[in-house]
Amino acid sequence: MAERRPAGYPKLKNYKPSRFMLPTSHYDKAKADRAVKFIENLCHTKGKWAGKQFCLLPWQEQLIRNIFGIVKPDRYRQFRTAFVEICKKVGNWDNELSVTSSHKLVVDIQNRTQKNMIAYQKKVIYTVSSKQLIVVQSKVNSTFSGLEKKFMYYRLSLYTFSLASFMKIMLSGNFKEEYIAKVKDEIQALSDTYRAQFEKSSLYLEKLGNAGVEANVVKDIGTAGKAIGKLIGNIPLVKEGSADEFLKDKGNYLQENAMGMEREAVKEFAAVANPGTRVFVEKMEDMIQIYNHTSQICFDSEKIYLLA
């Protein structure tokens, strides 16, 4: 059947055998051509593409040539089984124009999120550097809430920047160790900065909470209540009564309530401590290992093994 590939449809150029081809194996072009031609002589049988010829995308043809063209000395295929996984709705993923457009979009996201990170970092530093000797509890609460909100946006910007950096590597197809390591180290450094700012902010909020007027008043009343309870308990005429126990209990309750106010606020703020970027760092470490330090990939029903 004559080729009816649509004009402008991408085609594999400069095929190179898989880097996992064994030294004892070789590439048989005739066998690979036969498999490719067989598939591209088939047609869709239903749907809007019914009757249309199959046209392999470059990544699909690369896969077919690797599977059917790479053979061992006995002329049998080296690769007997292939596992292929692809996301839904990415039909244009391998289209050069689509990849270029997506790459530009990812770079734009990177730039915008980096600016946002710097902006929120400055806001956090400004808040933490302000000195307040005496503050009311409402001010403490609003500062907690304000810093928590700033860190939420700060963290979102950092996470999105990390995701865009990861996608940039995938779209560029540059899997060299030096390049990936540089991107990974940048994300790690930004994450460390985030954690350092969070630690400083936590100490600031702790000091601010201790300076809150209402909380300290409640604590002082609680301390006084316990002291009065002890004093009354030492008066002979009422020593056996329940008044002292009542005051002691109320004193304990008030003091615990004041501490609880601080603990609850700190607990809510602690929820944004982790920037959540470790997943991207780990994936980049895997990419470095797979593309730069692996000669073979083997797997069984439970695990995948990378052989250096």
Protein backbone atom coordinates (compact mmCIF):
# COMPACT_ATOMS: atom_id res chain seq x y z
CA MET A 1 0.00 0.00 0.00
CA ALA A 2 1.36 3.42 -0.94
CA GLU A 3 2.06 5.69 2.00
CA ARG A 4 -0.71 8.19 2.62
CA ARG A 5 0.90 10.07 5.49
CA PRO A 6 -0.77 13.51 5.88
CA ALA A 7 1.30 16.54 4.94
CA GLY A 8 3.28 17.85 7.90
CA TYR A 9 2.70 14.68 9.95
CA PRO A 10 5.82 14.04 12.10
CA LYS A 11 8.08 11.16 11.13
CA LEU A 12 11.02 9.59 12.93
CA LYS A 13 14.38 10.96 11.81
CA ASN A 14 17.85 9.65 12.57
CA TYR A 15 16.78 6.53 14.45
CA LYS A 16 19.25 5.35 17.08
CA PRO A 17 18.92 1.92 18.74
CA SER A 18 17.97 1.81 22.40
CA ARG A 19 20.79 2.49 24.81
CA PHE A 20 19.75 -0.76 26.51
CA MET A 21 20.77 -2.85 23.50
CA LEU A 22 23.23 -5.50 24.69
CA PRO A 23 26.80 -5.50 23.32
CA THR A 24 26.09 -8.92 21.81
CA SER A 25 22.94 -7.71 20.03
CA HIS A 26 22.65 -5.67 16.82
CA TYR A 27 20.07 -3.65 14.94
CA ASP A 28 18.49 -5.36 11.91
CA LYS A 29 16.98 -2.58 9.79
CA ALA A 30 15.15 -4.97 7.45
CA LYS A 31 13.28 -6.58 10.35
CA ALA A 32 12.41 -3.16 11.81
CA ASP A 33 11.22 -1.82 8.43
CA ARG A 34 9.02 -4.88 7.96
CA ALA A 35 7.29 -4.33 11.33
CA VAL A 36 6.78 -0.60 10.71
CA LYS A 37 5.39 -1.15 7.20
CA PHE A 38 3.06 -3.88 8.43
CA ILE A 39 1.55 -1.58 11.08
CA GLU A 40 1.26 1.39 8.73
CA ASN A 41 -0.58 -0.77 6.17
CA LEU A 42 -3.35 -1.31 8.68
CA CYS A 43 -6.38 0.98 8.89
CA HIS A 44 -8.72 2.13 11.64
CA THR A 45 -11.92 0.10 11.59
CA LYS A 46 -14.34 2.40 13.42
CA GLY A 47 -14.92 5.92 14.69
CA LYS A 48 -14.07 9.13 12.87
CA TRP A 49 -10.77 7.61 11.66
CA ALA A 50 -12.47 4.56 10.09
CA GLY A 51 -10.68 3.61 6.84
CA LYS A 52 -7.73 5.91 7.58
CA GLN A 53 -4.22 4.51 7.53
CA PHE A 54 -2.26 4.02 10.73
CA CYS A 55 0.60 6.55 10.89
CA LEU A 56 3.12 5.99 13.65
CA LEU A 57 4.32 8.96 15.63
CA PRO A 58 8.11 9.24 16.06
CA TRP A 59 8.09 7.85 19.61
CA GLN A 60 5.87 4.95 18.48
CA GLU A 61 8.13 4.10 15.54
CA GLN A 62 11.17 4.31 17.83
CA LEU A 63 9.54 1.78 20.13
CA ILE A 64 8.60 -0.59 17.26
CA ARG A 65 12.10 -0.47 15.80
CA ASN A 66 13.64 -1.18 19.20
CA ILE A 67 11.36 -4.17 19.82
CA PHE A 68 11.46 -5.79 16.37
CA GLY A 69 14.80 -4.54 15.02
CA ILE A 70 17.18 -5.25 17.89
CA VAL A 71 18.12 -8.93 17.75
CA LYS A 72 20.50 -11.29 19.53
CA PRO A 73 23.17 -13.40 17.78
CA ASP A 74 20.57 -16.17 17.29
CA ARG A 75 18.43 -13.65 15.30
CA TYR A 76 15.67 -13.67 17.92
CA ARG A 77 14.49 -10.40 19.40
CA GLN A 78 16.30 -9.10 22.48
CA PHE A 79 13.17 -7.39 23.78
CA ARG A 80 10.34 -9.88 24.10
CA THR A 81 8.02 -7.78 26.27
CA ALA A 82 7.40 -4.04 26.38
CA PHE A 83 5.44 -2.01 28.90
CA VAL A 84 4.14 1.30 27.52
CA GLU A 85 2.21 3.81 29.62
CA ILE A 86 0.79 7.09 28.34
CA CYS A 87 -1.55 9.68 29.85
CA LYS A 88 -4.97 10.33 28.35
CA LYS A 89 -5.61 13.24 25.99
CA VAL A 90 -2.01 13.81 24.96
CA GLY A 91 -2.35 12.95 21.28
CA ASN A 92 -0.26 15.96 20.28
CA TRP A 93 2.49 15.34 22.84
CA ASP A 94 5.03 14.38 20.21
CA ASN A 95 4.02 17.09 17.77
CA GLU A 96 6.97 19.47 17.44
CA LEU A 97 4.78 22.58 17.43
CA SER A 98 2.85 21.36 20.48
CA VAL A 99 6.06 20.54 22.38
CA THR A 100 7.53 23.96 21.59
CA SER A 101 4.33 25.70 22.69
CA SER A 102 4.20 23.68 25.91
CA HIS A 103 7.87 24.41 26.59
CA LYS A 104 7.25 28.16 26.28
CA LEU A 105 4.24 27.86 28.60
CA VAL A 106 6.29 25.98 31.20
CA VAL A 107 9.09 28.58 31.05
CA ASP A 108 6.51 31.35 31.49
CA ILE A 109 5.05 29.57 34.55
CA GLN A 110 8.57 29.19 35.93
CA ASN A 111 9.29 32.90 35.60
CA ARG A 112 5.97 34.00 37.12
CA THR A 113 6.15 31.62 40.08
CA GLN A 114 9.75 32.64 40.77
CA LYS A 115 8.66 36.29 40.96
CA ASN A 116 5.80 35.30 43.28
CA MET A 117 8.21 33.38 45.54
CA ILE A 118 10.46 36.42 45.89
CA ALA A 119 7.46 38.70 46.59
CA TYR A 120 6.00 36.48 49.33
CA GLN A 121 9.43 35.87 50.82
CA LYS A 122 9.89 39.64 51.18
CA LYS A 123 6.46 39.96 52.82
CA VAL A 124 7.34 37.22 55.31
CA ILE A 125 10.70 38.83 56.15
CA TYR A 126 9.03 42.22 56.62
CA THR A 127 6.43 40.76 59.00
CA VAL A 128 8.95 38.80 61.05
CA SER A 129 11.40 41.72 61.32
CA SER A 130 8.80 44.08 62.81
CA LYS A 131 9.16 44.56 66.59
CA GLN A 132 6.10 44.77 68.86
CA LEU A 133 6.63 45.05 72.60
CA ILE A 134 3.02 44.88 73.78
CA VAL A 135 0.27 43.37 71.66
CA VAL A 136 -3.37 42.47 72.22
CA GLN A 137 -4.52 38.94 71.54
CA SER A 138 -6.48 40.01 68.45
CA LYS A 139 -3.23 41.31 66.96
CA VAL A 140 -1.51 38.01 67.73
CA ASN A 141 -4.32 36.10 66.00
CA SER A 142 -4.30 38.35 62.93
CA THR A 143 -0.51 38.02 62.62
CA PHE A 144 -0.79 34.24 62.83
CA SER A 145 -3.48 34.27 60.15
CA GLY A 146 -1.59 36.72 57.94
CA LEU A 147 1.66 34.78 58.05
CA GLU A 148 -0.13 31.51 57.45
CA LYS A 149 -1.77 32.96 54.33
CA LYS A 150 1.56 34.34 53.04
CA PHE A 151 3.23 30.96 53.54
CA MET A 152 0.38 29.17 51.76
CA TYR A 153 0.93 31.31 48.65
CA TYR A 154 4.71 31.09 49.08
CA ARG A 155 4.50 27.31 49.22
CA LEU A 156 2.11 27.15 46.24
CA SER A 157 4.54 29.27 44.17
CA LEU A 158 7.49 27.06 45.15
CA TYR A 159 5.58 23.85 44.38
CA THR A 160 4.39 25.16 41.00
CA PHE A 161 7.92 26.33 40.15
CA SER A 162 9.26 22.85 40.97
CA LEU A 163 6.59 21.18 38.85
CA ALA A 164 7.35 23.53 35.92
CA SER A 165 11.07 22.78 36.28
CA PHE A 166 10.36 19.06 36.14
CA MET A 167 8.15 19.48 33.05
CA LYS A 168 10.84 21.61 31.41
CA ILE A 169 13.28 18.70 31.66
CA MET A 170 10.74 16.30 30.18
CA LEU A 171 9.86 18.61 27.28
CA SER A 172 13.46 19.49 26.47
CA GLY A 173 14.53 15.84 26.36
CA ASN A 174 17.82 16.82 28.01
CA PHE A 175 18.51 14.04 30.50
CA LYS A 176 22.20 14.71 31.04
CA GLU A 177 23.23 14.41 34.66
CA GLU A 178 24.78 17.91 34.83
CA TYR A 179 21.57 19.60 33.64
CA ILE A 180 19.17 17.62 35.83
CA ALA A 181 21.44 18.00 38.88
CA LYS A 182 21.54 21.77 38.39
CA VAL A 183 17.73 21.98 38.32
CA LYS A 184 17.44 19.62 41.29
CA ASP A 185 19.92 21.62 43.37
CA GLU A 186 18.04 24.85 42.63
CA ILE A 187 14.77 23.35 43.88
CA GLN A 188 16.54 21.97 46.95
CA ALA A 189 18.09 25.37 47.72
CA LEU A 190 14.73 27.16 47.35
CA SER A 191 13.09 24.56 49.59
CA ASP A 192 15.80 25.00 52.24
CA THR A 193 15.23 28.77 52.14
CA TYR A 194 11.50 28.20 52.60
CA ARG A 195 12.11 25.97 55.63
CA ALA A 196 14.55 28.50 57.12
CA GLN A 197 11.99 31.30 56.75
CA PHE A 198 9.33 29.08 58.29
CA GLU A 199 11.56 28.34 61.28
CA LYS A 200 12.24 32.06 61.84
CA SER A 201 8.53 32.81 61.53
CA SER A 202 7.67 30.07 64.03
CA LEU A 203 10.06 31.56 66.62
CA TYR A 204 8.64 35.02 65.96
CA LEU A 205 5.07 33.82 66.43
CA GLU A 206 6.04 31.98 69.61
CA LYS A 207 7.48 35.18 71.09
CA LEU A 208 4.49 37.16 69.89
CA GLY A 209 2.10 34.67 71.48
CA ASN A 210 3.93 34.92 74.79
CA ALA A 211 3.62 38.71 74.63
CA GLY A 212 -0.14 38.67 74.03
CA VAL A 213 -1.86 40.72 76.77
CA GLU A 214 -5.01 38.64 77.12
CA ALA A 215 -3.17 35.33 77.18
CA ASN A 216 -0.77 36.57 79.85
CA VAL A 217 -3.63 38.02 81.89
CA VAL A 218 -5.42 34.68 81.75
CA LYS A 219 -2.21 32.93 82.80
CA ASP A 220 -1.69 35.36 85.68
CA ILE A 221 -5.27 34.95 86.85
CA GLY A 222 -4.79 31.19 86.74
CA THR A 223 -1.59 31.44 88.78
CA ALA A 224 -3.30 33.77 91.25
CA GLY A 225 -6.26 31.41 91.52
CA LYS A 226 -3.99 28.54 92.47
CA ALA A 227 -2.09 30.70 94.96
CA ILE A 228 -5.31 31.89 96.65
CA GLY A 229 -6.55 28.32 96.75
CA LYS A 230 -3.38 27.26 98.57
CA LEU A 231 -3.67 30.24 100.95
CA ILE A 232 -7.27 29.47 101.86
CA GLY A 233 -6.38 25.83 102.26
CA ASN A 234 -3.90 26.79 104.99
CA ILE A 235 -6.52 28.64 107.10
CA PRO A 236 -7.57 26.24 109.87
CA LEU A 237 -11.30 27.09 109.83
CA VAL A 238 -11.77 26.28 106.14
CA LYS A 239 -8.99 23.80 105.60
CA GLU A 240 -11.39 20.91 105.24
CA GLY A 241 -13.78 22.79 102.93
CA SER A 242 -14.01 22.60 99.14
CA ALA A 243 -13.40 26.30 98.37
CA ASP A 244 -9.64 25.85 98.01
CA GLU A 245 -10.03 22.90 95.63
CA PHE A 246 -12.48 24.91 93.52
CA LEU A 247 -10.04 27.83 93.18
CA LYS A 248 -7.13 25.51 92.41
CA ASP A 249 -9.13 23.73 89.71
CA LYS A 250 -10.21 27.03 88.14
CA GLY A 251 -6.63 28.29 88.26
CA ASN A 252 -5.39 25.18 86.45
CA TYR A 253 -8.19 25.48 83.89
CA LEU A 254 -7.44 29.13 83.11
CA GLN A 255 -3.72 28.54 82.73
CA GLU A 256 -4.22 25.49 80.51
CA ASN A 257 -6.75 27.44 78.44
CA ALA A 258 -4.20 30.22 77.79
CA MET A 259 -1.57 27.69 76.74
CA GLY A 260 -4.16 25.95 74.60
CA MET A 261 -4.84 29.21 72.75
CA GLU A 262 -1.17 29.37 71.74
CA ARG A 263 -0.85 25.67 70.93
CA GLU A 264 -3.87 25.75 68.60
CA ALA A 265 -2.54 28.71 66.65
CA VAL A 266 0.92 27.15 66.33
CA LYS A 267 -0.64 23.84 65.26
CA GLU A 268 -2.56 25.53 62.44
CA PHE A 269 0.54 27.38 61.27
CA ALA A 270 2.65 24.19 61.37
CA ALA A 271 0.46 22.71 58.60
CA VAL A 272 2.40 24.75 56.00
CA ALA A 273 5.87 23.71 57.24
CA ASN A 274 6.52 21.24 54.42
CA PRO A 275 6.94 22.80 50.93
CA GLY A 276 6.09 19.44 49.33
CA THR A 277 8.89 19.62 46.74
CA ARG A 278 10.69 16.44 47.79
CA VAL A 279 8.71 14.40 45.27
CA PHE A 280 10.28 16.35 42.37
CA VAL A 281 13.78 16.08 43.83
CA GLU A 282 13.37 12.30 44.13
CA LYS A 283 12.05 11.97 40.58
CA MET A 284 15.03 13.92 39.25
CA GLU A 285 17.39 11.68 41.19
CA ASP A 286 15.68 8.70 39.54
CA MET A 287 16.10 10.30 36.11
CA ILE A 288 19.82 10.83 36.74
CA GLN A 289 20.18 7.18 37.76
CA ILE A 290 18.15 5.78 34.86
CA TYR A 291 19.54 7.91 32.04
CA ASN A 292 23.15 8.22 33.20
CA HIS A 293 24.06 5.24 35.40
CA THR A 294 21.94 2.36 34.11
CA SER A 295 22.90 -0.15 31.43
CA GLN A 296 19.93 -2.49 31.79
CA ILE A 297 16.42 -2.38 33.25
CA CYS A 298 14.92 -5.66 34.44
CA PHE A 299 11.66 -6.32 36.21
CA ASP A 300 9.56 -9.06 37.69
CA SER A 301 5.98 -9.16 38.92
CA GLU A 302 6.80 -7.02 41.95
CA LYS A 303 9.86 -4.82 41.34
CA ILE A 304 11.90 -2.97 38.72
CA TYR A 305 15.70 -3.40 38.86
CA LEU A 306 18.21 -0.87 37.51
CA LEU A 307 21.54 -2.43 36.62
CA ALA A 308 24.55 -0.12 36.40
